[in-house]
Protein backbone atom coordinates (compact mmCIF):
# COMPACT_ATOMS: atom_id res chain seq x y z
CA MET A 1 -0.10 -0.01 0.09
CA ALA A 2 2.23 2.64 -1.33
CA GLY A 3 1.57 6.09 -0.29
CA LYS A 4 -1.13 5.34 2.18
CA SER A 5 -1.00 6.06 5.62
CA SER A 6 -1.42 3.21 8.36
CA GLY A 7 -2.06 5.77 11.08
CA VAL A 8 -5.40 6.05 12.55
CA ARG A 9 -6.73 9.84 12.18
CA ALA A 10 -8.93 11.25 15.20
CA VAL A 11 -11.56 13.20 13.70
CA LEU A 12 -13.81 15.49 15.31
CA PRO A 13 -17.55 14.81 15.72
CA LYS A 14 -19.66 16.34 12.77
CA ALA A 15 -22.51 18.60 13.51
CA PRO A 16 -26.19 17.03 12.97
CA GLY A 17 -26.43 16.02 9.62
CA GLY A 18 -22.80 15.02 8.95
CA LYS A 19 -21.59 18.56 7.92
CA PRO A 20 -18.40 19.85 9.90
CA SER A 21 -19.33 22.46 12.60
CA SER A 22 -18.05 25.72 11.77
CA PHE A 23 -17.18 26.33 15.41
CA ARG A 24 -17.37 23.05 17.49
CA HIS A 25 -13.60 23.02 16.89
CA PRO A 26 -12.28 26.54 18.30
CA LEU A 27 -14.79 25.73 21.16
CA LEU A 28 -13.32 22.65 21.90
CA LEU A 29 -9.74 24.52 21.53
CA LEU A 30 -10.96 27.22 23.92
CA GLY A 31 -12.40 24.58 26.50
CA PHE A 32 -9.14 22.61 26.34
CA VAL A 33 -7.04 25.83 27.02
CA VAL A 34 -8.96 26.73 30.07
CA LEU A 35 -8.93 23.34 31.19
CA LEU A 36 -4.76 23.63 30.84
CA SER A 37 -4.95 27.00 32.55
CA PHE A 38 -7.29 25.63 35.50
CA PHE A 39 -4.57 23.15 36.29
CA PHE A 40 -1.55 25.44 36.12
CA ALA A 41 -3.40 28.17 38.16
CA LYS A 42 -3.98 25.35 40.93
CA LEU A 43 -0.36 24.29 40.47
CA GLU A 44 1.10 28.05 40.70
CA ILE A 45 -1.01 28.55 43.93
CA GLN A 46 0.54 26.04 45.49
CA ILE A 47 3.87 27.61 44.59
CA GLU A 48 3.32 31.43 45.02
CA GLY A 49 0.43 31.07 48.03
CA LYS A 50 -0.71 34.51 48.41
CA ASN A 51 2.51 35.93 47.24
CA GLY A 52 1.65 36.62 43.55
CA TRP A 53 4.03 37.38 40.58
CA ALA A 54 6.80 35.33 42.46
CA SER A 55 7.23 37.65 45.17
CA SER A 56 8.21 35.73 47.72
CA LEU A 57 10.30 32.93 45.72
CA PRO A 58 13.81 32.47 45.86
CA THR A 59 14.21 33.54 42.40
CA TRP A 60 16.39 36.41 40.59
CA LYS A 61 14.32 39.43 39.44
CA ILE A 62 15.18 42.44 37.20
CA GLU A 63 13.06 45.33 38.61
CA LYS A 64 13.35 47.63 36.26
CA HIS A 65 13.87 47.86 32.61
CA TRP A 66 12.42 50.17 29.58
CA LEU A 67 11.66 46.48 28.02
CA LEU A 68 9.90 45.40 31.00
CA ASP A 69 7.21 48.44 30.52
CA ILE A 70 6.82 47.43 27.31
CA PHE A 71 6.41 43.66 26.98
CA TRP A 72 5.74 42.93 30.68
CA GLY A 73 3.38 45.30 31.96
CA GLY A 74 5.90 47.22 34.19
CA ARG A 75 6.15 44.12 36.49
CA PRO A 76 9.41 42.52 37.34
CA MET A 77 11.07 39.83 35.18
CA THR A 78 11.90 36.68 37.61
CA GLY A 79 13.60 33.38 37.04
CA TYR A 80 10.29 31.67 37.95
CA HIS A 81 8.31 33.64 35.05
CA ALA A 82 11.24 33.18 32.33
CA TRP A 83 10.97 29.76 32.83
CA ALA A 84 7.37 28.84 33.23
CA PHE A 85 6.50 31.20 30.28
CA SER A 86 9.13 29.44 28.04
CA PHE A 87 8.15 25.89 29.21
CA MET A 88 4.34 26.77 28.06
CA PHE A 89 5.39 28.47 24.72
CA LEU A 90 7.18 24.81 24.40
CA VAL A 91 4.66 22.92 25.40
CA PHE A 92 2.04 24.64 22.83
CA HIS A 93 4.56 24.28 20.30
CA LEU A 94 4.74 20.36 20.86
CA HIS A 95 2.58 19.39 17.83
CA PHE A 96 4.82 20.98 15.60
CA PHE A 97 7.45 18.41 16.55
CA LEU A 98 5.31 15.51 17.07
CA THR A 99 3.80 15.57 13.58
CA GLY A 100 6.89 17.08 11.71
CA THR A 101 4.68 19.94 10.06
CA TRP A 102 4.54 23.62 10.57
CA ARG A 103 2.18 26.02 9.05
CA PRO A 104 1.68 30.17 9.54
CA LEU A 105 -1.93 29.51 10.29
CA MET A 106 -1.45 26.85 12.83
CA GLU A 107 1.43 29.22 14.42
CA CYS A 108 -1.30 31.91 14.51
CA ARG A 109 -3.25 29.00 16.28
CA VAL A 110 -0.79 28.14 19.18
CA LEU A 111 0.25 31.72 19.62
CA GLY A 112 -3.45 32.63 20.34
CA SER A 113 -4.23 29.89 22.46
CA LEU A 114 -0.98 30.58 24.40
CA MET A 115 -2.30 34.17 25.02
CA TRP A 116 -5.35 33.20 26.13
CA PHE A 117 -4.36 30.61 28.15
CA TRP A 118 -1.87 33.03 30.12
CA ILE A 119 -4.77 35.32 30.34
CA ALA A 120 -7.53 32.57 31.59
CA GLU A 121 -4.72 31.21 33.88
CA ASP A 122 -3.93 34.43 35.82
CA PHE A 123 -7.49 35.37 36.28
CA LEU A 124 -8.33 32.06 37.66
CA TRP A 125 -5.17 32.21 39.82
CA PHE A 126 -7.16 35.13 41.62
CA LEU A 127 -10.57 33.46 41.31
CA LEU A 128 -9.30 30.08 43.10
CA ASN A 129 -6.80 31.33 45.33
CA PRO A 130 -8.11 31.68 48.97
CA ALA A 131 -6.24 34.80 49.64
CA TYR A 132 -7.99 36.45 46.86
CA GLY A 133 -11.08 35.55 45.04
CA TRP A 134 -13.40 38.04 43.05
CA ASN A 135 -14.00 40.29 45.78
CA ARG A 136 -9.72 41.04 45.77
CA PHE A 137 -9.66 41.38 42.23
CA ALA A 138 -8.70 44.81 41.93
CA PRO A 139 -5.94 47.22 41.58
CA ALA A 140 -5.88 47.80 45.70
CA PHE A 141 -5.16 44.37 46.49
CA VAL A 142 -3.26 43.44 42.94
CA PRO A 143 -0.20 45.96 42.71
CA TRP A 144 1.83 43.62 40.04
CA HIS A 145 -1.02 44.68 37.58
CA LYS A 146 -0.11 48.48 37.25
CA SER A 147 -2.57 49.42 34.61
CA TRP A 148 -6.69 48.47 34.67
CA ILE A 149 -9.75 48.94 32.46
CA TRP A 150 -12.98 48.75 33.60
CA LEU A 151 -12.77 45.46 35.66
CA PHE A 152 -9.70 43.87 34.50
CA PRO A 153 -5.76 44.45 33.90
CA THR A 154 -4.78 46.04 30.71
CA ASP A 155 -2.99 42.79 29.62
CA TYR A 156 -6.40 40.88 29.69
CA TRP A 157 -7.89 43.12 26.93
CA THR A 158 -4.76 43.46 24.73
CA PHE A 159 -4.01 39.91 24.66
CA CYS A 160 -7.32 38.82 24.51
CA ALA A 161 -7.85 40.63 21.43
CA VAL A 162 -4.58 40.05 19.79
CA GLY A 163 -4.89 36.23 20.75
CA GLY A 164 -8.70 36.39 19.50
CA ILE A 165 -7.35 37.79 15.86
CA LEU A 166 -4.79 35.25 15.67
CA LEU A 167 -6.98 32.22 16.57
CA LEU A 168 -10.03 33.73 13.92
CA LEU A 169 -7.00 33.75 11.47
CA SER A 170 -6.12 30.46 12.23
CA PHE A 171 -9.57 29.02 11.75
CA ARG A 172 -10.51 31.10 8.54
CA ARG A 173 -11.70 28.76 5.56
CA GLN A 174 -8.75 27.95 3.05
CA SER A 175 -10.24 28.11 -0.73
């Protein structure tokens, strides 16, 4: 059987009538990203406790740098976050190494998912952390989020928008 794949390919379920759903896959992806975020938030709560942004961890910190203002929302860069962000970046890119393929639209999906992962993870960290919860999710209690718009840190709005655009691009139909 030359040219035929002998592997089994999992296919997402089809919508009623046998047609592929245009939104089922993105919703499944979003659900999985939130599930990953939940587990990582629970892990971070165990590591950081009530002291967010690795403020009490024995790790190196760069407190001030103009690049931190641009890319990090003015927060310190810590060794903990450098390794955590790098690790999750690699985890989200594992698919490319498992399949041996890379496509620009799939990179958009990975980066958009990663952005939404970090927003969901951060928000869940506050909601699930016994030291915070919804009532303490506010600028007065969260000094490491320096800029807020409406009820959320500016980062949430920025990365939800950019991540959403990347995800929309990644799911557009090819002609």
